Amino acid sequence: MFEYIKGTLTDKFSSANGYYLVLDVNGVGYRFEVSELDYNSDLIIDSELKLYSKLIHKEDSMSLCGFVKKETRDIFVYLTSVSGVGTKMALALLGQS
């Protein structure tokens, strides 16, 4: 649905559920779930950032996954097309260096 979203990186945080980046785009904060590799890359708070995106729509929730590189997003889409590989597992696989 969204090819990419460009805005100001306002927050980086991790939790037991994963790694997240928040982009401010004209006053709206978009939270992206990202791989550990993208989370640990040289991203600077208050700098402009372009994230390639994938909207994940489930029965009970919607979320955005973000990727610094378009190719990584394309690999994520391929991984999640495999039976039994969900969002968390695909992001974990992509987070391995």
Protein backbone atom coordinates (compact mmCIF):
# COMPACT_ATOMS: atom_id res chain seq x y z
CA MET A 1 0.00 0.00 0.00
CA PHE A 2 2.75 2.47 0.97
CA GLU A 3 6.00 2.21 -1.00
CA TYR A 4 7.93 4.32 1.49
CA ILE A 5 7.39 6.98 4.14
CA LYS A 6 9.86 9.82 4.61
CA GLY A 7 10.01 11.92 7.74
CA THR A 8 11.98 12.88 10.83
CA LEU A 9 13.18 10.08 13.08
CA THR A 10 11.87 11.03 16.53
CA ASP A 11 12.33 7.86 18.57
CA LYS A 12 14.06 4.47 18.68
CA PHE A 13 13.07 1.86 21.22
CA SER A 14 13.07 -1.85 21.80
CA SER A 15 10.95 -4.09 23.95
CA ALA A 16 10.42 -7.77 24.49
CA ASN A 17 8.19 -7.63 21.39
CA GLY A 18 10.79 -6.22 18.99
CA TYR A 19 12.59 -3.15 17.68
CA TYR A 20 10.80 0.05 16.71
CA LEU A 21 11.41 3.40 15.00
CA VAL A 22 9.02 6.36 15.05
CA LEU A 23 8.88 8.76 12.09
CA ASP A 24 7.17 12.13 12.33
CA VAL A 25 5.53 13.04 9.03
CA ASN A 26 3.77 16.42 9.17
CA GLY A 27 2.84 15.99 12.82
CA VAL A 28 1.77 12.34 12.62
CA GLY A 29 3.99 9.75 14.30
CA TYR A 30 4.26 6.44 12.45
CA ARG A 31 5.63 3.51 14.45
CA PHE A 32 7.54 0.94 12.39
CA GLU A 33 8.66 -2.45 13.55
CA VAL A 34 12.18 -3.01 12.19
CA SER A 35 14.84 -5.69 12.19
CA GLU A 36 17.61 -5.60 14.78
CA LEU A 37 20.09 -4.84 11.99
CA ASP A 38 18.21 -1.71 10.88
CA TYR A 39 17.63 -0.69 14.50
CA ASN A 40 21.36 -0.86 15.25
CA SER A 41 22.42 0.95 12.07
CA ASP A 42 23.71 4.53 12.25
CA LEU A 43 20.33 6.25 12.54
CA ILE A 44 20.35 9.66 14.21
CA ILE A 45 17.38 11.04 16.14
CA ASP A 46 15.99 14.26 14.56
CA SER A 47 17.42 13.41 11.13
CA GLU A 48 15.38 12.82 7.99
CA LEU A 49 14.82 9.16 7.17
CA LYS A 50 13.12 7.25 4.36
CA LEU A 51 11.75 3.84 5.30
CA TYR A 52 10.43 1.36 2.77
CA SER A 53 7.29 -0.08 4.26
CA LYS A 54 5.04 -3.09 4.40
CA LEU A 55 1.59 -2.84 5.96
CA ILE A 56 0.70 -5.96 7.93
CA HIS A 57 -3.04 -6.48 8.25
CA LYS A 58 -4.23 -9.19 10.57
CA GLU A 59 -7.68 -10.05 11.80
CA ASP A 60 -7.25 -8.09 15.04
CA SER A 61 -4.47 -5.56 14.28
CA MET A 62 -2.59 -3.53 11.72
CA SER A 63 1.09 -2.62 11.88
CA LEU A 64 3.86 -1.18 9.74
CA CYS A 65 7.20 -2.83 9.15
CA GLY A 66 10.01 -0.55 7.98
CA PHE A 67 13.23 -1.17 6.12
CA VAL A 68 16.17 1.12 5.36
CA LYS A 69 16.76 -0.65 2.01
CA LYS A 70 14.14 -1.56 -0.58
CA GLU A 71 15.86 -4.89 -1.24
CA THR A 72 15.49 -5.86 2.42
CA ARG A 73 11.77 -5.13 2.26
CA ASP A 74 11.49 -7.31 -0.85
CA ILE A 75 13.25 -10.19 0.95
CA PHE A 76 10.87 -9.72 3.90
CA VAL A 77 7.86 -10.02 1.56
CA TYR A 78 9.35 -13.19 0.08
CA LEU A 79 10.05 -14.69 3.54
CA THR A 80 6.54 -14.00 4.82
CA SER A 81 5.08 -15.73 1.76
CA VAL A 82 6.53 -19.01 3.04
CA SER A 83 4.06 -21.06 5.06
CA GLY A 84 4.82 -20.83 8.78
CA VAL A 85 7.02 -17.72 8.54
CA GLY A 86 5.38 -14.73 10.14
CA THR A 87 6.38 -11.13 10.68
CA LYS A 88 8.44 -11.72 13.83
CA MET A 89 10.39 -14.63 12.37
CA ALA A 90 11.09 -12.82 9.09
CA LEU A 91 12.35 -9.72 10.95
CA ALA A 92 14.51 -11.94 13.18
CA LEU A 93 16.02 -13.63 10.12
CA LEU A 94 16.72 -10.26 8.51
CA GLY A 95 18.30 -9.04 11.76
CA GLN A 96 21.10 -11.56 11.50
CA SER A 97 24.29 -10.13 10.04
